[in-house]
Amino acid sequence: MKIAIVGAGAVGGWYGGLLALKGHEVYFVTRRDYEIINQNGLCMRDAQGDKIVKIKKAYPDCTAIGVCDLIVIAAKSTANHTLPDFIKSLIGQNTVLLTLQNGIGNCETFASIIPAERIVAGLCFVCINRLSPGVVENTHAGYVRMASAYGPPSESVKQCVSLFTEAGIDCQSEQSLDAVLWKKLCWNIPFNGLAIAAGGITTDKIMANDLLRERAIELMKEVQAAAAACGVPFKDEHIERQLKVTTGMGAYRPSSLIDYLEGREVEVTGLWGEPLRRGQAAGVNMPQLSQLKTEIELKLKAREQLT
């Protein structure tokens, strides 16, 4: 398949690299790393060591790539207001779009440029970081779950699941996008958020601090209540599993923490604002999430004042 990875940083680079290793014609779109990747290849690092992957070519934009069979959106949701125009040259009559972005509301971004039945949402439960230009590291392989933008799994979902599975990725389809979104938010909301609000700390420090750990659990329970009110409940075992996995991550830096520390825009709306709005609209009181969102916004405002 001819595949464009739009936003070939940590997540995009890792999964794009695995697809390239399976022989697909993979193009990276990355404004920061394209020259280094074209020169040296992509370095993929995990517990088995390093491997260098050569992709077809990396570009700073989409114009030279042409129509693709699959577009994988791994750019941050903060770029969603520009992405539909940015990727139009990649779209043909049968192109499938897979978004691997965090937060809520991403599929709606692309509904104006591609039919809903060809939009697939993927949620990545992994620990992947971009260490330096052209170098990505996976410290917890985890899994990917995919769902249709609307309704039960479509043929496009089945195609993407098959593609990822053949590349050695633990990937399955889900009956409901909302269900898997809220399950992902169960981790993202507390740990991406507290890492920033507590002063720029890694997940191990959150877990080691009794007050922060208890606060993370309270946030998870609010997310659980919101999910149930929205018709997609999940069990307590999911919360317990997320806590266990987090303990095994060690000193992990969530993606929002990296954005915060490096002075980049943070996905406040998708990760905290929209879930809070939807939860409250469903009748759920979410004081912990409301407070966390306020703290994050204050941290970002203080950062701007320093710069």
C-alpha atoms as a PDB file:
ATOM      1  CA  MET A   1       0.000   0.000   0.000  1.00  0.00           C
ATOM      2  CA  LYS A   2       0.987   3.610  -0.505  1.00  0.00           C
ATOM      3  CA  ILE A   3       0.840   5.199   2.939  1.00  0.00           C
ATOM      4  CA  ALA A   4       1.424   8.766   4.168  1.00  0.00           C
ATOM      5  CA  ILE A   5       2.246   9.283   7.840  1.00  0.00           C
ATOM      6  CA  VAL A   6       1.290  12.878   8.654  1.00  0.00           C
ATOM      7  CA  GLY A   7       3.125  13.855  11.810  1.00  0.00           C
ATOM      8  CA  ALA A   8       5.988  11.351  11.876  1.00  0.00           C
ATOM      9  CA  GLY A   9       7.129  12.025  15.414  1.00  0.00           C
ATOM     10  CA  ALA A  10       6.922   9.421  18.177  1.00  0.00           C
ATOM     11  CA  VAL A  11       3.711   7.512  17.402  1.00  0.00           C
ATOM     12  CA  GLY A  12       3.703   8.242  13.675  1.00  0.00           C
ATOM     13  CA  GLY A  13       7.353   7.359  13.309  1.00  0.00           C
ATOM     14  CA  TRP A  14       7.044   4.078  15.196  1.00  0.00           C
ATOM     15  CA  TYR A  15       4.006   2.699  13.391  1.00  0.00           C
ATOM     16  CA  GLY A  16       5.144   4.098  10.062  1.00  0.00           C
ATOM     17  CA  GLY A  17       8.455   2.332  10.549  1.00  0.00           C
ATOM     18  CA  LEU A  18       6.734  -0.986  11.272  1.00  0.00           C
ATOM     19  CA  LEU A  19       4.596  -0.632   8.143  1.00  0.00           C
ATOM     20  CA  ALA A  20       7.698   0.157   6.074  1.00  0.00           C
ATOM     21  CA  LEU A  21       9.383  -2.969   7.434  1.00  0.00           C
ATOM     22  CA  LYS A  22       6.466  -4.987   6.020  1.00  0.00           C
ATOM     23  CA  GLY A  23       7.246  -3.648   2.562  1.00  0.00           C
ATOM     24  CA  HIS A  24       4.649  -0.912   2.221  1.00  0.00           C
ATOM     25  CA  GLU A  25       5.455   2.299   0.329  1.00  0.00           C
ATOM     26  CA  VAL A  26       5.620   4.665   3.302  1.00  0.00           C
ATOM     27  CA  TYR A  27       6.081   8.436   3.130  1.00  0.00           C
ATOM     28  CA  PHE A  28       6.676  10.598   6.188  1.00  0.00           C
ATOM     29  CA  VAL A  29       5.407  14.164   6.526  1.00  0.00           C
ATOM     30  CA  THR A  30       7.427  15.843   9.260  1.00  0.00           C
ATOM     31  CA  ARG A  31       8.480  19.465   9.322  1.00  0.00           C
ATOM     32  CA  ARG A  32      11.284  18.888  11.818  1.00  0.00           C
ATOM     33  CA  ASP A  33      13.023  15.629  10.916  1.00  0.00           C
ATOM     34  CA  TYR A  34      12.603  15.040   7.186  1.00  0.00           C
ATOM     35  CA  GLU A  35      16.200  15.848   6.176  1.00  0.00           C
ATOM     36  CA  ILE A  36      17.734  13.591   8.847  1.00  0.00           C
ATOM     37  CA  ILE A  37      15.336  10.721   8.088  1.00  0.00           C
ATOM     38  CA  ASN A  38      16.080  10.940   4.358  1.00  0.00           C
ATOM     39  CA  GLN A  39      19.807  10.924   5.076  1.00  0.00           C
ATOM     40  CA  ASN A  40      20.076   8.389   7.886  1.00  0.00           C
ATOM     41  CA  GLY A  41      16.776   6.520   7.990  1.00  0.00           C
ATOM     42  CA  LEU A  42      14.564   6.216  11.067  1.00  0.00           C
ATOM     43  CA  CYS A  43      16.141   4.735  14.198  1.00  0.00           C
ATOM     44  CA  MET A  44      13.607   2.590  16.079  1.00  0.00           C
ATOM     45  CA  ARG A  45      14.674   1.650  19.605  1.00  0.00           C
ATOM     46  CA  ASP A  46      13.138  -0.895  21.986  1.00  0.00           C
ATOM     47  CA  ALA A  47      14.225  -3.605  24.441  1.00  0.00           C
ATOM     48  CA  GLN A  48      15.715  -5.628  21.571  1.00  0.00           C
ATOM     49  CA  GLY A  49      18.005  -2.765  20.569  1.00  0.00           C
ATOM     50  CA  ASP A  50      18.113  -0.347  17.628  1.00  0.00           C
ATOM     51  CA  LYS A  51      17.091  -0.904  14.030  1.00  0.00           C
ATOM     52  CA  ILE A  52      17.412   1.530  11.155  1.00  0.00           C
ATOM     53  CA  VAL A  53      14.425   1.685   8.831  1.00  0.00           C
ATOM     54  CA  LYS A  54      14.496   3.223   5.367  1.00  0.00           C
ATOM     55  CA  ILE A  55      11.181   4.647   4.212  1.00  0.00           C
ATOM     56  CA  LYS A  56      10.299   5.755   0.682  1.00  0.00           C
ATOM     57  CA  LYS A  57      10.898   9.446   1.440  1.00  0.00           C
ATOM     58  CA  ALA A  58      10.210  12.114   4.037  1.00  0.00           C
ATOM     59  CA  TYR A  59       8.842  15.569   3.195  1.00  0.00           C
ATOM     60  CA  PRO A  60       7.987  18.754   5.112  1.00  0.00           C
ATOM     61  CA  ASP A  61       4.548  18.860   3.404  1.00  0.00           C
ATOM     62  CA  CYS A  62       2.228  16.674   1.316  1.00  0.00           C
ATOM     63  CA  THR A  63       2.422  18.240  -2.138  1.00  0.00           C
ATOM     64  CA  ALA A  64       5.015  15.903  -3.715  1.00  0.00           C
ATOM     65  CA  ILE A  65       3.528  12.620  -2.448  1.00  0.00           C
ATOM     66  CA  GLY A  66       0.332  12.307  -4.471  1.00  0.00           C
ATOM     67  CA  VAL A  67      -2.790  10.260  -3.770  1.00  0.00           C
ATOM     68  CA  CYS A  68      -2.364   7.530  -1.136  1.00  0.00           C
ATOM     69  CA  ASP A  69      -4.257   4.371  -0.191  1.00  0.00           C
ATOM     70  CA  LEU A  70      -3.985   5.257   3.490  1.00  0.00           C
ATOM     71  CA  ILE A  71      -3.349   8.498   5.377  1.00  0.00           C
ATOM     72  CA  VAL A  72      -2.289   8.091   9.003  1.00  0.00           C
ATOM     73  CA  ILE A  73      -2.765  11.264  11.040  1.00  0.00           C
ATOM     74  CA  ALA A  74      -0.370  11.257  13.987  1.00  0.00           C
ATOM     75  CA  ALA A  75       0.019  15.026  14.294  1.00  0.00           C
ATOM     76  CA  LYS A  76      -1.138  16.665  17.523  1.00  0.00           C
ATOM     77  CA  SER A  77      -4.790  17.703  17.604  1.00  0.00           C
ATOM     78  CA  THR A  78      -3.664  21.301  18.121  1.00  0.00           C
ATOM     79  CA  ALA A  79      -2.988  21.294  14.351  1.00  0.00           C
ATOM     80  CA  ASN A  80      -6.467  20.078  13.401  1.00  0.00           C
ATOM     81  CA  HIS A  81      -7.628  23.483  12.209  1.00  0.00           C
ATOM     82  CA  THR A  82      -5.015  23.376   9.410  1.00  0.00           C
ATOM     83  CA  LEU A  83      -4.876  19.647   8.608  1.00  0.00           C
ATOM     84  CA  PRO A  84      -7.866  19.260   6.225  1.00  0.00           C
ATOM     85  CA  ASP A  85      -6.350  21.715   3.711  1.00  0.00           C
ATOM     86  CA  PHE A  86      -2.837  20.411   4.399  1.00  0.00           C
ATOM     87  CA  ILE A  87      -3.636  16.797   3.397  1.00  0.00           C
ATOM     88  CA  LYS A  88      -6.113  17.325   0.516  1.00  0.00           C
ATOM     89  CA  SER A  89      -3.550  16.396  -2.147  1.00  0.00           C
ATOM     90  CA  LEU A  90      -3.227  12.902  -0.582  1.00  0.00           C
ATOM     91  CA  ILE A  91      -6.913  12.019  -0.931  1.00  0.00           C
ATOM     92  CA  GLY A  92      -8.327   9.952  -3.795  1.00  0.00           C
ATOM     93  CA  GLN A  93     -11.628   8.164  -4.415  1.00  0.00           C
ATOM     94  CA  ASN A  94     -10.696   5.173  -2.234  1.00  0.00           C
ATOM     95  CA  THR A  95      -8.327   6.732   0.302  1.00  0.00           C
ATOM     96  CA  VAL A  96      -8.806   5.666   3.932  1.00  0.00           C
ATOM     97  CA  LEU A  97      -7.893   8.059   6.746  1.00  0.00           C
ATOM     98  CA  LEU A  98      -6.758   6.718  10.121  1.00  0.00           C
ATOM     99  CA  THR A  99      -6.325   9.163  12.992  1.00  0.00           C
ATOM    100  CA  LEU A 100      -4.038   8.079  15.856  1.00  0.00           C
ATOM    101  CA  GLN A 101      -4.539  11.304  17.814  1.00  0.00           C
ATOM    102  CA  ASN A 102      -5.325  11.724  21.487  1.00  0.00           C
ATOM    103  CA  GLY A 103      -8.495  13.293  22.816  1.00  0.00           C
ATOM    104  CA  ILE A 104     -12.072  13.667  21.637  1.00  0.00           C
ATOM    105  CA  GLY A 105     -13.374  15.244  18.426  1.00  0.00           C
ATOM    106  CA  ASN A 106     -10.664  14.290  15.925  1.00  0.00           C
ATOM    107  CA  CYS A 107     -12.800  12.331  13.452  1.00  0.00           C
ATOM    108  CA  GLU A 108     -15.140  15.293  13.060  1.00  0.00           C
ATOM    109  CA  THR A 109     -12.187  17.352  11.815  1.00  0.00           C
ATOM    110  CA  PHE A 110     -11.876  15.306   8.636  1.00  0.00           C
ATOM    111  CA  ALA A 111     -15.558  14.657   7.858  1.00  0.00           C
ATOM    112  CA  SER A 112     -15.621  17.630   5.461  1.00  0.00           C
ATOM    113  CA  ILE A 113     -12.942  16.174   3.155  1.00  0.00           C
ATOM    114  CA  ILE A 114     -13.467  12.407   3.236  1.00  0.00           C
ATOM    115  CA  PRO A 115     -16.613  10.227   3.643  1.00  0.00           C
ATOM    116  CA  ALA A 116     -17.256   9.070   7.208  1.00  0.00           C
ATOM    117  CA  GLU A 117     -17.171   5.390   6.195  1.00  0.00           C
ATOM    118  CA  ARG A 118     -13.518   5.847   5.217  1.00  0.00           C
ATOM    119  CA  ILE A 119     -12.491   7.516   8.502  1.00  0.00           C
ATOM    120  CA  VAL A 120     -11.008   5.235  11.164  1.00  0.00           C
ATOM    121  CA  ALA A 121     -10.100   6.198  14.739  1.00  0.00           C
ATOM    122  CA  GLY A 122      -7.165   4.450  16.375  1.00  0.00           C
ATOM    123  CA  LEU A 123      -6.237   4.735  20.043  1.00  0.00           C
ATOM    124  CA  CYS A 124      -2.683   3.790  21.019  1.00  0.00           C
ATOM    125  CA  PHE A 125      -2.107   2.417  24.532  1.00  0.00           C
ATOM    126  CA  VAL A 126       1.698   2.580  24.379  1.00  0.00           C
ATOM    127  CA  CYS A 127       4.796   4.366  25.692  1.00  0.00           C
ATOM    128  CA  ILE A 128       6.598   5.873  22.720  1.00  0.00           C
ATOM    129  CA  ASN A 129       8.830   8.953  22.742  1.00  0.00           C
ATOM    130  CA  ARG A 130      10.818  10.843  20.131  1.00  0.00           C
ATOM    131  CA  LEU A 131      14.278  11.015  21.708  1.00  0.00           C
ATOM    132  CA  SER A 132      15.958  13.178  19.066  1.00  0.00           C
ATOM    133  CA  PRO A 133      15.572  13.943  15.344  1.00  0.00           C
ATOM    134  CA  GLY A 134      14.937  10.639  13.545  1.00  0.00           C
ATOM    135  CA  VAL A 135      15.068   8.526  16.744  1.00  0.00           C
ATOM    136  CA  VAL A 136      11.965   7.019  18.409  1.00  0.00           C
ATOM    137  CA  GLU A 137      11.852   4.698  21.417  1.00  0.00           C
ATOM    138  CA  ASN A 138       9.125   2.282  22.523  1.00  0.00           C
ATOM    139  CA  THR A 139       9.381   1.248  26.180  1.00  0.00           C
ATOM    140  CA  HIS A 140       5.955  -0.436  26.376  1.00  0.00           C
ATOM    141  CA  ALA A 141       4.626  -2.053  23.187  1.00  0.00           C
ATOM    142  CA  GLY A 142       1.037  -1.997  24.426  1.00  0.00           C
ATOM    143  CA  TYR A 143      -1.758  -2.213  21.900  1.00  0.00           C
ATOM    144  CA  VAL A 144      -3.904  -0.288  19.414  1.00  0.00           C
ATOM    145  CA  ARG A 145      -7.696  -0.302  19.285  1.00  0.00           C
ATOM    146  CA  MET A 146      -9.606   0.914  16.222  1.00  0.00           C
ATOM    147  CA  ALA A 147     -13.201   1.904  15.576  1.00  0.00           C
ATOM    148  CA  SER A 148     -15.328   3.560  12.928  1.00  0.00           C
ATOM    149  CA  ALA A 149     -15.880   7.274  13.169  1.00  0.00           C
ATOM    150  CA  TYR A 150     -19.581   6.455  13.412  1.00  0.00           C
ATOM    151  CA  GLY A 151     -21.327   3.142  13.987  1.00  0.00           C
ATOM    152  CA  PRO A 152     -19.988  -0.434  14.066  1.00  0.00           C
ATOM    153  CA  PRO A 153     -16.663  -1.460  12.470  1.00  0.00           C
ATOM    154  CA  SER A 154     -16.586  -0.677   8.741  1.00  0.00           C
ATOM    155  CA  GLU A 155     -14.574  -2.325   5.982  1.00  0.00           C
ATOM    156  CA  SER A 156     -12.040   0.479   6.420  1.00  0.00           C
ATOM    157  CA  VAL A 157     -11.606  -0.462  10.089  1.00  0.00           C
ATOM    158  CA  LYS A 158     -11.132  -4.117   9.187  1.00  0.00           C
ATOM    159  CA  GLN A 159      -8.556  -3.150   6.561  1.00  0.00           C
ATOM    160  CA  CYS A 160      -6.554  -1.003   9.012  1.00  0.00           C
ATOM    161  CA  VAL A 161      -6.682  -3.656  11.751  1.00  0.00           C
ATOM    162  CA  SER A 162      -5.407  -6.265   9.297  1.00  0.00           C
ATOM    163  CA  LEU A 163      -2.638  -3.932   8.117  1.00  0.00           C
ATOM    164  CA  PHE A 164      -1.408  -3.268  11.652  1.00  0.00           C
ATOM    165  CA  THR A 165      -1.742  -6.889  12.759  1.00  0.00           C
ATOM    166  CA  GLU A 166       0.350  -8.063   9.812  1.00  0.00           C
ATOM    167  CA  ALA A 167       3.014  -5.564  10.892  1.00  0.00           C
ATOM    168  CA  GLY A 168       3.249  -7.298  14.286  1.00  0.00           C
ATOM    169  CA  ILE A 169       1.123  -4.821  16.241  1.00  0.00           C
ATOM    170  CA  ASP A 170      -1.437  -5.938  18.832  1.00  0.00           C
ATOM    171  CA  CYS A 171      -4.454  -4.361  17.132  1.00  0.00           C
ATOM    172  CA  GLN A 172      -8.176  -5.097  17.390  1.00  0.00           C
ATOM    173  CA  SER A 173     -11.414  -3.412  16.387  1.00  0.00           C
ATOM    174  CA  GLU A 174     -13.950  -2.015  18.854  1.00  0.00           C
ATOM    175  CA  GLN A 175     -17.712  -1.807  18.406  1.00  0.00           C
ATOM    176  CA  SER A 176     -17.909   1.757  19.725  1.00  0.00           C
ATOM    177  CA  LEU A 177     -15.500   4.664  19.227  1.00  0.00           C
ATOM    178  CA  ASP A 178     -16.838   6.452  22.299  1.00  0.00           C
ATOM    179  CA  ALA A 179     -16.120   3.404  24.446  1.00  0.00           C
ATOM    180  CA  VAL A 180     -12.459   3.223  23.504  1.00  0.00           C
ATOM    181  CA  LEU A 181     -12.045   7.023  23.651  1.00  0.00           C
ATOM    182  CA  TRP A 182     -13.208   7.174  27.265  1.00  0.00           C
ATOM    183  CA  LYS A 183     -11.016   4.200  28.173  1.00  0.00           C
ATOM    184  CA  LYS A 184      -7.991   6.011  26.729  1.00  0.00           C
ATOM    185  CA  LEU A 185      -8.957   9.229  28.526  1.00  0.00           C
ATOM    186  CA  CYS A 186      -8.998   7.239  31.772  1.00  0.00           C
ATOM    187  CA  TRP A 187      -5.179   7.308  31.555  1.00  0.00           C
ATOM    188  CA  ASN A 188      -4.547  10.438  29.528  1.00  0.00           C
ATOM    189  CA  ILE A 189      -6.577  12.834  31.641  1.00  0.00           C
ATOM    190  CA  PRO A 190      -4.864  12.138  34.993  1.00  0.00           C
ATOM    191  CA  PHE A 191      -1.312  11.332  33.940  1.00  0.00           C
ATOM    192  CA  ASN A 192      -0.806  13.817  31.101  1.00  0.00           C
ATOM    193  CA  GLY A 193      -2.520  16.414  33.273  1.00  0.00           C
ATOM    194  CA  LEU A 194      -0.877  15.835  36.648  1.00  0.00           C
ATOM    195  CA  ALA A 195       2.557  15.616  35.024  1.00  0.00           C
ATOM    196  CA  ILE A 196       2.107  19.269  34.047  1.00  0.00           C
ATOM    197  CA  ALA A 197       0.082  20.515  37.027  1.00  0.00           C
ATOM    198  CA  ALA A 198       2.495  19.021  39.574  1.00  0.00           C
ATOM    199  CA  GLY A 199       5.407  20.962  38.104  1.00  0.00           C
ATOM    200  CA  GLY A 200       6.683  18.911  35.179  1.00  0.00           C
ATOM    201  CA  ILE A 201       7.148  15.432  36.647  1.00  0.00           C
ATOM    202  CA  THR A 202       7.252  11.893  35.254  1.00  0.00           C
ATOM    203  CA  THR A 203       4.640   9.206  35.910  1.00  0.00           C
ATOM    204  CA  ASP A 204       6.755   7.358  38.494  1.00  0.00           C
ATOM    205  CA  LYS A 205       6.738  10.448  40.713  1.00  0.00           C
ATOM    206  CA  ILE A 206       2.969  10.689  40.444  1.00  0.00           C
ATOM    207  CA  MET A 207       2.603   7.066  41.489  1.00  0.00           C
ATOM    208  CA  ALA A 208       5.098   7.472  44.355  1.00  0.00           C
ATOM    209  CA  ASN A 209       3.276  10.462  45.842  1.00  0.00           C
ATOM    210  CA  ASP A 210       0.252   9.397  47.904  1.00  0.00           C
ATOM    211  CA  LEU A 211      -1.676  12.621  47.286  1.00  0.00           C
ATOM    212  CA  LEU A 212      -1.027  12.653  43.538  1.00  0.00           C
ATOM    213  CA  ARG A 213      -1.790   8.949  43.190  1.00  0.00           C
ATOM    214  CA  GLU A 214      -5.092   9.380  45.013  1.00  0.00           C
ATOM    215  CA  ARG A 215      -5.892  12.378  42.858  1.00  0.00           C
ATOM    216  CA  ALA A 216      -5.186  10.326  39.722  1.00  0.00           C
ATOM    217  CA  ILE A 217      -7.627   7.662  40.950  1.00  0.00           C
ATOM    218  CA  GLU A 218     -10.305  10.280  41.646  1.00  0.00           C
ATOM    219  CA  LEU A 219      -9.866  11.661  38.127  1.00  0.00           C
ATOM    220  CA  MET A 220     -10.160   8.152  36.703  1.00  0.00           C
ATOM    221  CA  LYS A 221     -13.404   7.623  38.601  1.00  0.00           C
ATOM    222  CA  GLU A 222     -14.805  10.879  37.216  1.00  0.00           C
ATOM    223  CA  VAL A 223     -13.928   9.703  33.703  1.00  0.00           C
ATOM    224  CA  GLN A 224     -15.589   6.358  34.477  1.00  0.00           C
ATOM    225  CA  ALA A 225     -18.757   8.159  35.616  1.00  0.00           C
ATOM    226  CA  ALA A 226     -18.780  10.341  32.488  1.00  0.00           C
ATOM    227  CA  ALA A 227     -18.319   7.293  30.250  1.00  0.00           C
ATOM    228  CA  ALA A 228     -21.243   5.551  31.925  1.00  0.00           C
ATOM    229  CA  ALA A 229     -23.431   8.638  31.554  1.00  0.00           C
ATOM    230  CA  CYS A 230     -22.530   8.767  27.861  1.00  0.00           C
ATOM    231  CA  GLY A 231     -23.638   5.142  27.438  1.00  0.00           C
ATOM    232  CA  VAL A 232     -20.222   3.431  27.291  1.00  0.00           C
ATOM    233  CA  PRO A 233     -19.445   2.197  30.834  1.00  0.00           C
ATOM    234  CA  PHE A 234     -16.222   0.430  31.761  1.00  0.00           C
ATOM    235  CA  LYS A 235     -15.450  -1.635  34.836  1.00  0.00           C
ATOM    236  CA  ASP A 236     -13.226  -0.906  37.838  1.00  0.00           C
ATOM    237  CA  GLU A 237     -10.801  -3.496  36.483  1.00  0.00           C
ATOM    238  CA  HIS A 238      -9.855  -1.061  33.709  1.00  0.00           C
ATOM    239  CA  ILE A 239      -8.774   1.526  36.289  1.00  0.00           C
ATOM    240  CA  GLU A 240      -6.797  -1.084  38.207  1.00  0.00           C
ATOM    241  CA  ARG A 241      -5.110  -2.236  34.985  1.00  0.00           C
ATOM    242  CA  GLN A 242      -4.122   1.318  34.066  1.00  0.00           C
ATOM    243  CA  LEU A 243      -2.554   1.869  37.486  1.00  0.00           C
ATOM    244  CA  LYS A 244      -0.612  -1.392  37.225  1.00  0.00           C
ATOM    245  CA  VAL A 245       0.648  -0.540  33.745  1.00  0.00           C
ATOM    246  CA  THR A 246       1.686   2.943  34.870  1.00  0.00           C
ATOM    247  CA  THR A 247       3.744   1.491  37.712  1.00  0.00           C
ATOM    248  CA  GLY A 248       5.630  -0.599  35.152  1.00  0.00           C
ATOM    249  CA  MET A 249       6.379   2.402  32.938  1.00  0.00           C
ATOM    250  CA  GLY A 250       9.030   3.818  35.242  1.00  0.00           C
ATOM    251  CA  ALA A 251      10.068   7.442  34.703  1.00  0.00           C
ATOM    252  CA  TYR A 252       7.838   7.975  31.664  1.00  0.00           C
ATOM    253  CA  ARG A 253       7.222  11.444  30.210  1.00  0.00           C
ATOM    254  CA  PRO A 254       3.685  11.686  28.780  1.00  0.00           C
ATOM    255  CA  SER A 255       3.376  13.480  25.453  1.00  0.00           C
ATOM    256  CA  SER A 256       1.660  16.544  26.948  1.00  0.00           C
ATOM    257  CA  LEU A 257       4.476  16.934  29.458  1.00  0.00           C
ATOM    258  CA  ILE A 258       7.022  16.912  26.626  1.00  0.00           C
ATOM    259  CA  ASP A 259       5.018  19.558  24.746  1.00  0.00           C
ATOM    260  CA  TYR A 260       4.799  21.663  27.908  1.00  0.00           C
ATOM    261  CA  LEU A 261       8.513  21.435  28.701  1.00  0.00           C
ATOM    262  CA  GLU A 262       9.553  22.138  25.109  1.00  0.00           C
ATOM    263  CA  GLY A 263       7.345  25.199  24.822  1.00  0.00           C
ATOM    264  CA  ARG A 264       4.901  23.726  22.320  1.00  0.00           C
ATOM    265  CA  GLU A 265       1.118  24.031  22.313  1.00  0.00           C
ATOM    266  CA  VAL A 266      -0.591  21.535  24.626  1.00  0.00           C
ATOM    267  CA  GLU A 267      -3.777  19.643  23.622  1.00  0.00           C
ATOM    268  CA  VAL A 268      -5.931  21.230  26.318  1.00  0.00           C
ATOM    269  CA  THR A 269      -9.237  21.126  24.425  1.00  0.00           C
ATOM    270  CA  GLY A 270      -9.090  17.507  23.244  1.00  0.00           C
ATOM    271  CA  LEU A 271      -7.680  15.999  26.429  1.00  0.00           C
ATOM    272  CA  TRP A 272      -9.401  17.992  29.188  1.00  0.00           C
ATOM    273  CA  GLY A 273     -11.782  20.610  27.806  1.00  0.00           C
ATOM    274  CA  GLU A 274     -14.021  18.507  25.561  1.00  0.00           C
ATOM    275  CA  PRO A 275     -14.240  15.505  27.957  1.00  0.00           C
ATOM    276  CA  LEU A 276     -15.226  17.934  30.729  1.00  0.00           C
ATOM    277  CA  ARG A 277     -17.874  19.537  28.507  1.00  0.00           C
ATOM    278  CA  ARG A 278     -19.328  16.173  27.450  1.00  0.00           C
ATOM    279  CA  GLY A 279     -19.315  14.782  30.970  1.00  0.00           C
ATOM    280  CA  GLN A 280     -21.064  17.815  32.429  1.00  0.00           C
ATOM    281  CA  ALA A 281     -23.558  17.822  29.532  1.00  0.00           C
ATOM    282  CA  ALA A 282     -24.419  14.221  30.473  1.00  0.00           C
ATOM    283  CA  GLY A 283     -25.132  15.350  34.039  1.00  0.00           C
ATOM    284  CA  VAL A 284     -21.867  14.295  35.722  1.00  0.00           C
ATOM    285  CA  ASN A 285     -20.230  16.505  38.319  1.00  0.00           C
ATOM    286  CA  MET A 286     -16.479  16.564  37.542  1.00  0.00           C
ATOM    287  CA  PRO A 287     -14.788  18.881  40.081  1.00  0.00           C
ATOM    288  CA  GLN A 288     -11.405  17.141  39.895  1.00  0.00           C
ATOM    289  CA  LEU A 289     -11.213  17.476  36.112  1.00  0.00           C
ATOM    290  CA  SER A 290     -12.411  21.074  36.233  1.00  0.00           C
ATOM    291  CA  GLN A 291      -9.714  21.921  38.784  1.00  0.00           C
ATOM    292  CA  LEU A 292      -7.024  20.075  36.816  1.00  0.00           C
ATOM    293  CA  LYS A 293      -7.907  21.906  33.602  1.00  0.00           C
ATOM    294  CA  THR A 294      -7.680  25.234  35.435  1.00  0.00           C
ATOM    295  CA  GLU A 295      -4.278  24.328  36.896  1.00  0.00           C
ATOM    296  CA  ILE A 296      -2.939  23.331  33.476  1.00  0.00           C
ATOM    297  CA  GLU A 297      -4.165  26.569  31.924  1.00  0.00           C
ATOM    298  CA  LEU A 298      -2.478  28.560  34.692  1.00  0.00           C
ATOM    299  CA  LYS A 299       0.787  26.682  34.116  1.00  0.00           C
ATOM    300  CA  LEU A 300       0.609  27.425  30.403  1.00  0.00           C
ATOM    301  CA  LYS A 301      -0.150  31.086  31.056  1.00  0.00           C
ATOM    302  CA  ALA A 302       2.827  31.328  33.413  1.00  0.00           C
ATOM    303  CA  ARG A 303       5.048  29.690  30.785  1.00  0.00           C
ATOM    304  CA  GLU A 304       3.968  32.239  28.198  1.00  0.00           C
ATOM    305  CA  GLN A 305       4.736  35.103  30.563  1.00  0.00           C
ATOM    306  CA  LEU A 306       8.258  33.764  31.136  1.00  0.00           C
ATOM    307  CA  THR A 307       8.921  33.630  27.404  1.00  0.00           C
END
